[in-house]
């Protein structure tokens, strides 16, 4: 009997609400398993790539976000990634991870991303 491999596509979605409790955006998060309420991430860049690919290619922006904005966590290695070009700047905010040291290189990458139309969250 042949074994059939199944592909599970996982994407966490954390609501972001305003002071009144109204939904304004979703933070899209990497999830490695169905049982995980939190992710164990060994490679920030790989996790970011997986979130982008799942949100765009597997689910589609309309399903992942509805009419809302999406926030995607970005580590240092992802700041220059071509996969960011798959995101619609008017739909996504790039959230720089808290462990990224802001230096001249990171600042220059943020300037380029802002010029491309992205909002940046620190």
Foldseek 3Di string as FASTA:
>chain_A
DDDDDDDDQDKDWAFDADPVRHTAWTEIFADDDPPDPDHDDPDQQVRQLSSLCCDPPVQHVCRRIPPHAYETEDEPVCLPDPSVVVDDQVRYAYEYDPVHDDDPVNVVSVVVVVVVNHHYHD
